[in-house]
Amino acid sequence: MRDTAPIRIWIKSSYSGHNNNCMEFLSPPPLGKAVVRDSKDPHRRMIVFRAETWTQFVHTYRSGAPEPTG
C-alpha cells in the first residue's frame, strides 16, 4: 500500500481584512500541533504550538477574557 502525505494549505484568518495584516494557519496541521505564520511575510519563520495550547488561546480569546498585563 502506498502512503500519501495529506495536502496542506495555508488558510487566512476569517477576521482578516484586505490589507494582509493577519495570520494564516496550516490545514490540516501536523498531529498534535497548530502552525501559524504572518500573512504579510509568509517566508519568515512559522510558529508551532501544541494543539492544546492553541485551543486554550482560541477559547480564551473567544470568551472575551482580558489579556494579561505586564
N, C-alpha and C. Protein backbone atom coordinates (compact mmCIF):
# COMPACT_ATOMS: atom_id res chain seq x y z
N MET A 1 0.84 -1.17 0.00
CA MET A 1 0.00 0.00 0.00
C MET A 1 0.89 1.24 0.00
N ARG A 2 0.47 2.24 -0.70
CA ARG A 2 1.26 3.46 -0.82
C ARG A 2 0.72 4.52 0.15
N ASP A 3 1.62 5.05 0.99
CA ASP A 3 1.24 6.13 1.89
C ASP A 3 1.37 7.45 1.17
N THR A 4 0.36 8.28 1.31
CA THR A 4 0.44 9.61 0.72
C THR A 4 0.27 10.64 1.83
N ALA A 5 1.09 11.64 1.79
CA ALA A 5 1.00 12.71 2.78
C ALA A 5 -0.21 13.58 2.46
N PRO A 6 -0.86 14.12 3.48
CA PRO A 6 -2.00 15.00 3.21
C PRO A 6 -1.54 16.28 2.52
N ILE A 7 -2.39 16.80 1.68
CA ILE A 7 -2.10 18.09 1.05
C ILE A 7 -2.42 19.17 2.07
N ARG A 8 -1.43 19.99 2.36
CA ARG A 8 -1.61 21.05 3.36
C ARG A 8 -1.67 22.40 2.66
N ILE A 9 -2.57 23.25 3.15
CA ILE A 9 -2.70 24.59 2.59
C ILE A 9 -2.72 25.60 3.73
N TRP A 10 -2.38 26.83 3.43
CA TRP A 10 -2.44 27.92 4.40
C TRP A 10 -3.79 28.61 4.27
N ILE A 11 -4.47 28.78 5.40
CA ILE A 11 -5.79 29.41 5.42
C ILE A 11 -5.69 30.71 6.20
N LYS A 12 -6.17 31.79 5.59
CA LYS A 12 -6.13 33.10 6.23
C LYS A 12 -7.25 33.20 7.26
N SER A 13 -6.96 33.85 8.37
CA SER A 13 -7.95 34.06 9.41
C SER A 13 -9.19 34.74 8.85
N SER A 14 -10.37 34.31 9.29
CA SER A 14 -11.62 34.90 8.82
C SER A 14 -11.79 36.33 9.33
N TYR A 15 -10.98 36.74 10.30
CA TYR A 15 -11.04 38.10 10.83
C TYR A 15 -10.15 39.05 10.04
N SER A 16 -9.52 38.58 9.01
CA SER A 16 -8.58 39.39 8.24
C SER A 16 -9.31 40.37 7.34
N GLY A 17 -8.69 41.51 7.15
CA GLY A 17 -9.18 42.46 6.17
C GLY A 17 -8.48 42.23 4.85
N HIS A 18 -8.56 43.19 3.98
CA HIS A 18 -7.93 43.07 2.67
C HIS A 18 -6.51 43.62 2.65
N ASN A 19 -6.02 44.09 3.79
CA ASN A 19 -4.69 44.70 3.84
C ASN A 19 -3.59 43.73 4.23
N ASN A 20 -3.92 42.45 4.37
CA ASN A 20 -2.93 41.40 4.66
C ASN A 20 -2.34 41.47 6.06
N ASN A 21 -2.91 42.21 6.97
CA ASN A 21 -2.42 42.26 8.36
C ASN A 21 -3.10 41.17 9.16
N CYS A 22 -2.66 39.96 8.97
CA CYS A 22 -3.33 38.87 9.66
C CYS A 22 -2.41 37.67 9.75
N MET A 23 -2.97 36.63 10.30
CA MET A 23 -2.23 35.38 10.41
C MET A 23 -2.90 34.33 9.55
N GLU A 24 -2.11 33.32 9.22
CA GLU A 24 -2.62 32.17 8.49
C GLU A 24 -2.29 30.92 9.30
N PHE A 25 -3.12 29.90 9.14
CA PHE A 25 -2.82 28.65 9.81
C PHE A 25 -2.78 27.52 8.80
N LEU A 26 -1.97 26.51 9.12
CA LEU A 26 -1.76 25.37 8.24
C LEU A 26 -2.87 24.35 8.46
N SER A 27 -3.48 23.89 7.36
CA SER A 27 -4.56 22.93 7.46
C SER A 27 -4.37 21.83 6.41
N PRO A 28 -4.49 20.58 6.80
CA PRO A 28 -4.58 20.12 8.18
C PRO A 28 -3.22 20.26 8.88
N PRO A 29 -3.26 20.49 10.18
CA PRO A 29 -1.99 20.64 10.91
C PRO A 29 -1.34 19.28 11.15
N PRO A 30 -0.05 19.28 11.43
CA PRO A 30 0.59 18.03 11.86
C PRO A 30 -0.09 17.55 13.15
N LEU A 31 -0.11 16.27 13.38
CA LEU A 31 -0.78 15.69 14.54
C LEU A 31 -0.30 16.33 15.84
N GLY A 32 -1.24 16.86 16.62
CA GLY A 32 -0.92 17.42 17.93
C GLY A 32 -0.32 18.81 17.88
N LYS A 33 -0.33 19.46 16.73
CA LYS A 33 0.30 20.78 16.58
C LYS A 33 -0.68 21.78 15.98
N ALA A 34 -0.37 23.06 16.13
CA ALA A 34 -1.03 24.15 15.43
C ALA A 34 0.10 25.02 14.87
N VAL A 35 0.05 25.30 13.58
CA VAL A 35 1.13 26.03 12.92
C VAL A 35 0.55 27.32 12.34
N VAL A 36 1.14 28.46 12.69
CA VAL A 36 0.67 29.75 12.19
C VAL A 36 1.84 30.53 11.60
N ARG A 37 1.50 31.51 10.76
CA ARG A 37 2.52 32.39 10.18
C ARG A 37 1.89 33.75 9.89
N ASP A 38 2.74 34.72 9.64
CA ASP A 38 2.33 36.08 9.31
C ASP A 38 2.02 36.13 7.82
N SER A 39 0.82 36.55 7.46
CA SER A 39 0.45 36.57 6.05
C SER A 39 1.21 37.64 5.26
N LYS A 40 1.69 38.68 5.93
CA LYS A 40 2.44 39.73 5.24
C LYS A 40 3.81 39.24 4.78
N ASP A 41 4.35 38.29 5.50
CA ASP A 41 5.70 37.80 5.18
C ASP A 41 5.73 36.28 5.35
N PRO A 42 5.13 35.55 4.42
CA PRO A 42 5.00 34.10 4.57
C PRO A 42 6.31 33.33 4.54
N HIS A 43 7.40 33.98 4.16
CA HIS A 43 8.68 33.28 4.11
C HIS A 43 9.43 33.34 5.44
N ARG A 44 8.91 34.10 6.39
CA ARG A 44 9.54 34.13 7.71
C ARG A 44 9.20 32.85 8.45
N ARG A 45 9.78 32.71 9.60
CA ARG A 45 9.60 31.51 10.41
C ARG A 45 8.14 31.31 10.82
N MET A 46 7.71 30.07 10.77
CA MET A 46 6.38 29.70 11.27
C MET A 46 6.46 29.54 12.78
N ILE A 47 5.33 29.66 13.44
CA ILE A 47 5.26 29.44 14.88
C ILE A 47 4.45 28.17 15.09
N VAL A 48 5.00 27.24 15.85
CA VAL A 48 4.35 25.96 16.10
C VAL A 48 3.96 25.89 17.57
N PHE A 49 2.68 25.61 17.80
CA PHE A 49 2.14 25.46 19.16
C PHE A 49 1.70 24.02 19.36
N ARG A 50 1.67 23.59 20.61
CA ARG A 50 0.98 22.33 20.91
C ARG A 50 -0.50 22.59 20.68
N ALA A 51 -1.22 21.61 20.18
CA ALA A 51 -2.63 21.78 19.88
C ALA A 51 -3.42 22.23 21.10
N GLU A 52 -3.09 21.69 22.27
CA GLU A 52 -3.81 22.06 23.50
C GLU A 52 -3.61 23.53 23.84
N THR A 53 -2.39 24.02 23.64
CA THR A 53 -2.09 25.42 23.92
C THR A 53 -2.86 26.33 22.98
N TRP A 54 -2.90 25.99 21.72
CA TRP A 54 -3.61 26.80 20.73
C TRP A 54 -5.12 26.79 21.02
N THR A 55 -5.65 25.62 21.36
CA THR A 55 -7.08 25.52 21.68
C THR A 55 -7.43 26.40 22.86
N GLN A 56 -6.59 26.42 23.89
CA GLN A 56 -6.83 27.26 25.06
C GLN A 56 -6.75 28.74 24.69
N PHE A 57 -5.81 29.12 23.85
CA PHE A 57 -5.69 30.50 23.40
C PHE A 57 -6.97 30.95 22.68
N VAL A 58 -7.43 30.13 21.74
CA VAL A 58 -8.64 30.47 20.99
C VAL A 58 -9.84 30.55 21.92
N HIS A 59 -9.97 29.60 22.83
CA HIS A 59 -11.08 29.61 23.78
C HIS A 59 -11.06 30.89 24.63
N THR A 60 -9.90 31.25 25.12
CA THR A 60 -9.76 32.46 25.94
C THR A 60 -10.12 33.70 25.12
N TYR A 61 -9.64 33.77 23.90
CA TYR A 61 -9.93 34.92 23.04
C TYR A 61 -11.42 35.03 22.77
N ARG A 62 -12.05 33.92 22.44
CA ARG A 62 -13.49 33.94 22.12
C ARG A 62 -14.35 34.26 23.33
N SER A 63 -13.87 33.92 24.52
CA SER A 63 -14.67 34.17 25.72
C SER A 63 -14.60 35.63 26.16
N GLY A 64 -13.72 36.41 25.51
CA GLY A 64 -13.61 37.83 25.85
C GLY A 64 -12.82 38.09 27.11
N ALA A 65 -12.05 37.12 27.56
CA ALA A 65 -11.24 37.31 28.76
C ALA A 65 -10.22 38.41 28.51
N PRO A 66 -9.94 39.21 29.52
CA PRO A 66 -8.94 40.27 29.34
C PRO A 66 -7.56 39.69 29.12
N GLU A 67 -6.76 40.42 28.36
CA GLU A 67 -5.39 39.99 28.11
C GLU A 67 -4.54 40.26 29.34
N PRO A 68 -3.58 39.39 29.62
CA PRO A 68 -2.70 39.63 30.77
C PRO A 68 -1.85 40.87 30.54
N THR A 69 -1.53 41.56 31.61
CA THR A 69 -0.68 42.74 31.50
C THR A 69 0.65 42.45 32.16
N GLY A 70 1.64 43.23 31.80
CA GLY A 70 2.92 43.06 32.49
C GLY A 70 4.05 42.92 31.65
